[in-house]
Amino acid sequence: MRHAKARNIIETFFGALKQRWAVLRNPCYYDVKMTTLIIIACDVLHNYLTMEAPDD
Protein backbone atom coordinates (compact mmCIF):
# COMPACT_ATOMS: atom_id res chain seq x y z
CA MET A 1 0.00 0.00 0.00
CA ARG A 2 2.88 2.42 0.67
CA HIS A 3 4.09 2.05 -2.91
CA ALA A 4 0.70 3.12 -4.28
CA LYS A 5 0.60 6.15 -1.96
CA ALA A 6 4.12 7.22 -2.94
CA ARG A 7 3.29 6.82 -6.62
CA ASN A 8 0.18 8.94 -6.22
CA ILE A 9 2.19 11.72 -4.56
CA ILE A 10 4.80 11.65 -7.32
CA GLU A 11 2.15 11.67 -10.07
CA THR A 12 0.45 14.65 -8.41
CA PHE A 13 3.77 16.49 -8.18
CA PHE A 14 4.62 15.88 -11.84
CA GLY A 15 1.10 16.93 -12.80
CA ALA A 16 1.64 20.27 -11.05
CA LEU A 17 4.98 20.72 -12.79
CA LYS A 18 3.47 19.90 -16.18
CA GLN A 19 0.72 22.47 -15.63
CA ARG A 20 3.27 25.20 -14.94
CA TRP A 21 6.05 24.33 -17.41
CA ALA A 22 5.21 23.67 -21.07
CA VAL A 23 8.59 22.01 -21.67
CA LEU A 24 7.37 19.06 -19.58
CA ARG A 25 4.10 18.63 -21.48
CA ASN A 26 5.67 17.59 -24.77
CA PRO A 27 7.74 14.54 -25.69
CA CYS A 28 11.36 14.96 -24.66
CA TYR A 29 14.04 14.57 -27.31
CA TYR A 30 16.99 15.43 -25.08
CA ASP A 31 19.48 12.97 -23.65
CA VAL A 32 18.99 11.65 -20.12
CA LYS A 33 21.41 14.10 -18.49
CA MET A 34 19.76 17.16 -20.08
CA THR A 35 16.28 15.85 -19.27
CA THR A 36 17.32 15.41 -15.63
CA LEU A 37 18.64 18.99 -15.52
CA ILE A 38 15.42 20.33 -17.05
CA ILE A 39 13.28 18.51 -14.47
CA ILE A 40 15.48 19.72 -11.60
CA ALA A 41 15.36 23.32 -12.89
CA CYS A 42 11.56 23.18 -13.18
CA ASP A 43 11.34 21.72 -9.67
CA VAL A 44 13.56 24.42 -8.16
CA LEU A 45 11.67 27.20 -9.92
CA HIS A 46 8.33 25.69 -8.92
CA ASN A 47 9.39 25.52 -5.27
CA TYR A 48 10.71 29.10 -5.37
CA LEU A 49 7.53 30.45 -6.93
CA THR A 50 5.40 28.48 -4.46
CA MET A 51 7.29 30.06 -1.54
CA GLU A 52 7.24 33.59 -3.00
CA ALA A 53 3.65 33.60 -4.26
CA PRO A 54 1.73 30.72 -2.66
CA ASP A 55 -1.64 31.91 -4.04
CA ASP A 56 -0.63 31.60 -7.73
C-alpha atoms as a PDB file:
ATOM      1  CA  MET A   1       0.000   0.000   0.000  1.00  0.00           C
ATOM      2  CA  ARG A   2       2.884   2.419   0.673  1.00  0.00           C
ATOM      3  CA  HIS A   3       4.089   2.050  -2.915  1.00  0.00           C
ATOM      4  CA  ALA A   4       0.704   3.120  -4.278  1.00  0.00           C
ATOM      5  CA  LYS A   5       0.598   6.146  -1.965  1.00  0.00           C
ATOM      6  CA  ALA A   6       4.119   7.218  -2.939  1.00  0.00           C
ATOM      7  CA  ARG A   7       3.295   6.815  -6.623  1.00  0.00           C
ATOM      8  CA  ASN A   8       0.177   8.943  -6.216  1.00  0.00           C
ATOM      9  CA  ILE A   9       2.185  11.717  -4.556  1.00  0.00           C
ATOM     10  CA  ILE A  10       4.801  11.647  -7.322  1.00  0.00           C
ATOM     11  CA  GLU A  11       2.153  11.671 -10.068  1.00  0.00           C
ATOM     12  CA  THR A  12       0.447  14.651  -8.413  1.00  0.00           C
ATOM     13  CA  PHE A  13       3.769  16.486  -8.181  1.00  0.00           C
ATOM     14  CA  PHE A  14       4.624  15.885 -11.837  1.00  0.00           C
ATOM     15  CA  GLY A  15       1.105  16.933 -12.798  1.00  0.00           C
ATOM     16  CA  ALA A  16       1.638  20.267 -11.045  1.00  0.00           C
ATOM     17  CA  LEU A  17       4.983  20.725 -12.791  1.00  0.00           C
ATOM     18  CA  LYS A  18       3.470  19.900 -16.180  1.00  0.00           C
ATOM     19  CA  GLN A  19       0.716  22.471 -15.628  1.00  0.00           C
ATOM     20  CA  ARG A  20       3.268  25.202 -14.940  1.00  0.00           C
ATOM     21  CA  TRP A  21       6.047  24.326 -17.405  1.00  0.00           C
ATOM     22  CA  ALA A  22       5.210  23.669 -21.068  1.00  0.00           C
ATOM     23  CA  VAL A  23       8.585  22.011 -21.673  1.00  0.00           C
ATOM     24  CA  LEU A  24       7.372  19.057 -19.584  1.00  0.00           C
ATOM     25  CA  ARG A  25       4.099  18.632 -21.482  1.00  0.00           C
ATOM     26  CA  ASN A  26       5.674  17.591 -24.765  1.00  0.00           C
ATOM     27  CA  PRO A  27       7.744  14.538 -25.694  1.00  0.00           C
ATOM     28  CA  CYS A  28      11.359  14.958 -24.661  1.00  0.00           C
ATOM     29  CA  TYR A  29      14.038  14.572 -27.313  1.00  0.00           C
ATOM     30  CA  TYR A  30      16.995  15.427 -25.080  1.00  0.00           C
ATOM     31  CA  ASP A  31      19.481  12.966 -23.649  1.00  0.00           C
ATOM     32  CA  VAL A  32      18.985  11.651 -20.116  1.00  0.00           C
ATOM     33  CA  LYS A  33      21.409  14.104 -18.492  1.00  0.00           C
ATOM     34  CA  MET A  34      19.757  17.161 -20.084  1.00  0.00           C
ATOM     35  CA  THR A  35      16.278  15.845 -19.267  1.00  0.00           C
ATOM     36  CA  THR A  36      17.323  15.414 -15.633  1.00  0.00           C
ATOM     37  CA  LEU A  37      18.638  18.989 -15.517  1.00  0.00           C
ATOM     38  CA  ILE A  38      15.415  20.333 -17.049  1.00  0.00           C
ATOM     39  CA  ILE A  39      13.284  18.514 -14.467  1.00  0.00           C
ATOM     40  CA  ILE A  40      15.482  19.722 -11.599  1.00  0.00           C
ATOM     41  CA  ALA A  41      15.355  23.316 -12.891  1.00  0.00           C
ATOM     42  CA  CYS A  42      11.560  23.181 -13.183  1.00  0.00           C
ATOM     43  CA  ASP A  43      11.342  21.721  -9.667  1.00  0.00           C
ATOM     44  CA  VAL A  44      13.564  24.418  -8.160  1.00  0.00           C
ATOM     45  CA  LEU A  45      11.670  27.204  -9.922  1.00  0.00           C
ATOM     46  CA  HIS A  46       8.326  25.685  -8.924  1.00  0.00           C
ATOM     47  CA  ASN A  47       9.389  25.518  -5.272  1.00  0.00           C
ATOM     48  CA  TYR A  48      10.711  29.095  -5.365  1.00  0.00           C
ATOM     49  CA  LEU A  49       7.530  30.447  -6.932  1.00  0.00           C
ATOM     50  CA  THR A  50       5.398  28.483  -4.457  1.00  0.00           C
ATOM     51  CA  MET A  51       7.292  30.056  -1.540  1.00  0.00           C
ATOM     52  CA  GLU A  52       7.243  33.592  -3.001  1.00  0.00           C
ATOM     53  CA  ALA A  53       3.650  33.600  -4.265  1.00  0.00           C
ATOM     54  CA  PRO A  54       1.725  30.720  -2.663  1.00  0.00           C
ATOM     55  CA  ASP A  55      -1.643  31.915  -4.042  1.00  0.00           C
ATOM     56  CA  ASP A  56      -0.627  31.601  -7.726  1.00  0.00           C
END
